Amino acid sequence: MPLPAGFTSLDSTQTLLLSQALRRARERRASGLNEAVEDALTVVPALTRKPVRRMLFRQG
């Protein structure tokens, strides 16, 4: 996806600030998603949470 035209007019400081703001927003969204998943898993019986988490979020 091409960048919007206004991006070419940003200087290096503005580009850095925008990059940092976008990174923080992405981290907040990921954190919120992780919290929502943990909240949803509270309806799963405690002894089965770990295996359920592994099935849902298989690494690899």
C-alpha atoms as a PDB file:
ATOM      1  CA  MET A   1       0.000   0.000   0.000  1.00  0.00           C
ATOM      2  CA  PRO A   2       1.500   3.362  -0.963  1.00  0.00           C
ATOM      3  CA  LEU A   3       1.966   6.065   1.645  1.00  0.00           C
ATOM      4  CA  PRO A   4      -0.356   9.075   1.579  1.00  0.00           C
ATOM      5  CA  ALA A   5       1.070  12.093  -0.244  1.00  0.00           C
ATOM      6  CA  GLY A   6       1.561  14.092   2.978  1.00  0.00           C
ATOM      7  CA  PHE A   7       4.178  11.662   4.266  1.00  0.00           C
ATOM      8  CA  THR A   8       6.771  12.915   1.820  1.00  0.00           C
ATOM      9  CA  SER A   9       6.614  16.369   3.365  1.00  0.00           C
ATOM     10  CA  LEU A  10       7.549  15.166   6.887  1.00  0.00           C
ATOM     11  CA  ASP A  11      11.042  15.926   8.118  1.00  0.00           C
ATOM     12  CA  SER A  12      13.104  13.335   9.993  1.00  0.00           C
ATOM     13  CA  THR A  13      11.923  14.509  13.447  1.00  0.00           C
ATOM     14  CA  GLN A  14       8.278  14.347  12.420  1.00  0.00           C
ATOM     15  CA  THR A  15       8.815  10.933  10.858  1.00  0.00           C
ATOM     16  CA  LEU A  16      10.402   9.666  14.074  1.00  0.00           C
ATOM     17  CA  LEU A  17       7.559  11.058  16.221  1.00  0.00           C
ATOM     18  CA  LEU A  18       4.951   9.479  13.954  1.00  0.00           C
ATOM     19  CA  SER A  19       6.780   6.165  14.003  1.00  0.00           C
ATOM     20  CA  GLN A  20       6.954   6.193  17.805  1.00  0.00           C
ATOM     21  CA  ALA A  21       3.278   7.113  18.125  1.00  0.00           C
ATOM     22  CA  LEU A  22       2.247   4.317  15.774  1.00  0.00           C
ATOM     23  CA  ARG A  23       4.415   1.818  17.664  1.00  0.00           C
ATOM     24  CA  ARG A  24       2.857   2.830  21.012  1.00  0.00           C
ATOM     25  CA  ALA A  25      -0.644   2.545  19.530  1.00  0.00           C
ATOM     26  CA  ARG A  26       0.145  -0.944  18.196  1.00  0.00           C
ATOM     27  CA  GLU A  27       1.507  -1.989  21.609  1.00  0.00           C
ATOM     28  CA  ARG A  28      -1.601  -0.670  23.401  1.00  0.00           C
ATOM     29  CA  ARG A  29      -3.860  -2.522  20.978  1.00  0.00           C
ATOM     30  CA  ALA A  30      -1.896  -5.764  21.449  1.00  0.00           C
ATOM     31  CA  SER A  31      -2.012  -5.314  25.219  1.00  0.00           C
ATOM     32  CA  GLY A  32      -5.764  -4.761  25.101  1.00  0.00           C
ATOM     33  CA  LEU A  33      -6.201  -7.855  22.968  1.00  0.00           C
ATOM     34  CA  ASN A  34      -4.129  -9.928  25.391  1.00  0.00           C
ATOM     35  CA  GLU A  35      -6.244  -8.699  28.299  1.00  0.00           C
ATOM     36  CA  ALA A  36      -9.439  -9.569  26.427  1.00  0.00           C
ATOM     37  CA  VAL A  37      -8.169 -13.094  25.732  1.00  0.00           C
ATOM     38  CA  GLU A  38      -7.261 -13.603  29.377  1.00  0.00           C
ATOM     39  CA  ASP A  39     -10.680 -12.319  30.445  1.00  0.00           C
ATOM     40  CA  ALA A  40     -12.377 -14.677  27.979  1.00  0.00           C
ATOM     41  CA  LEU A  41     -10.389 -17.631  29.296  1.00  0.00           C
ATOM     42  CA  THR A  42     -11.838 -17.104  32.764  1.00  0.00           C
ATOM     43  CA  VAL A  43     -14.952 -18.989  31.597  1.00  0.00           C
ATOM     44  CA  VAL A  44     -12.749 -22.029  30.896  1.00  0.00           C
ATOM     45  CA  PRO A  45     -12.210 -24.267  33.934  1.00  0.00           C
ATOM     46  CA  ALA A  46      -8.874 -23.476  35.577  1.00  0.00           C
ATOM     47  CA  LEU A  47      -7.357 -26.929  35.050  1.00  0.00           C
ATOM     48  CA  THR A  48      -7.954 -26.767  31.300  1.00  0.00           C
ATOM     49  CA  ARG A  49      -6.873 -23.170  30.619  1.00  0.00           C
ATOM     50  CA  LYS A  50      -3.255 -23.992  29.830  1.00  0.00           C
ATOM     51  CA  PRO A  51      -4.100 -26.701  27.253  1.00  0.00           C
ATOM     52  CA  VAL A  52      -6.834 -24.501  25.743  1.00  0.00           C
ATOM     53  CA  ARG A  53      -4.402 -21.589  25.485  1.00  0.00           C
ATOM     54  CA  ARG A  54      -1.875 -23.878  23.729  1.00  0.00           C
ATOM     55  CA  MET A  55      -4.541 -25.067  21.264  1.00  0.00           C
ATOM     56  CA  LEU A  56      -5.700 -21.544  20.488  1.00  0.00           C
ATOM     57  CA  PHE A  57      -2.289 -19.911  20.267  1.00  0.00           C
ATOM     58  CA  ARG A  58      -0.066 -22.654  18.927  1.00  0.00           C
ATOM     59  CA  GLN A  59       3.462 -21.363  18.389  1.00  0.00           C
ATOM     60  CA  GLY A  60       5.424 -22.529  15.425  1.00  0.00           C
END
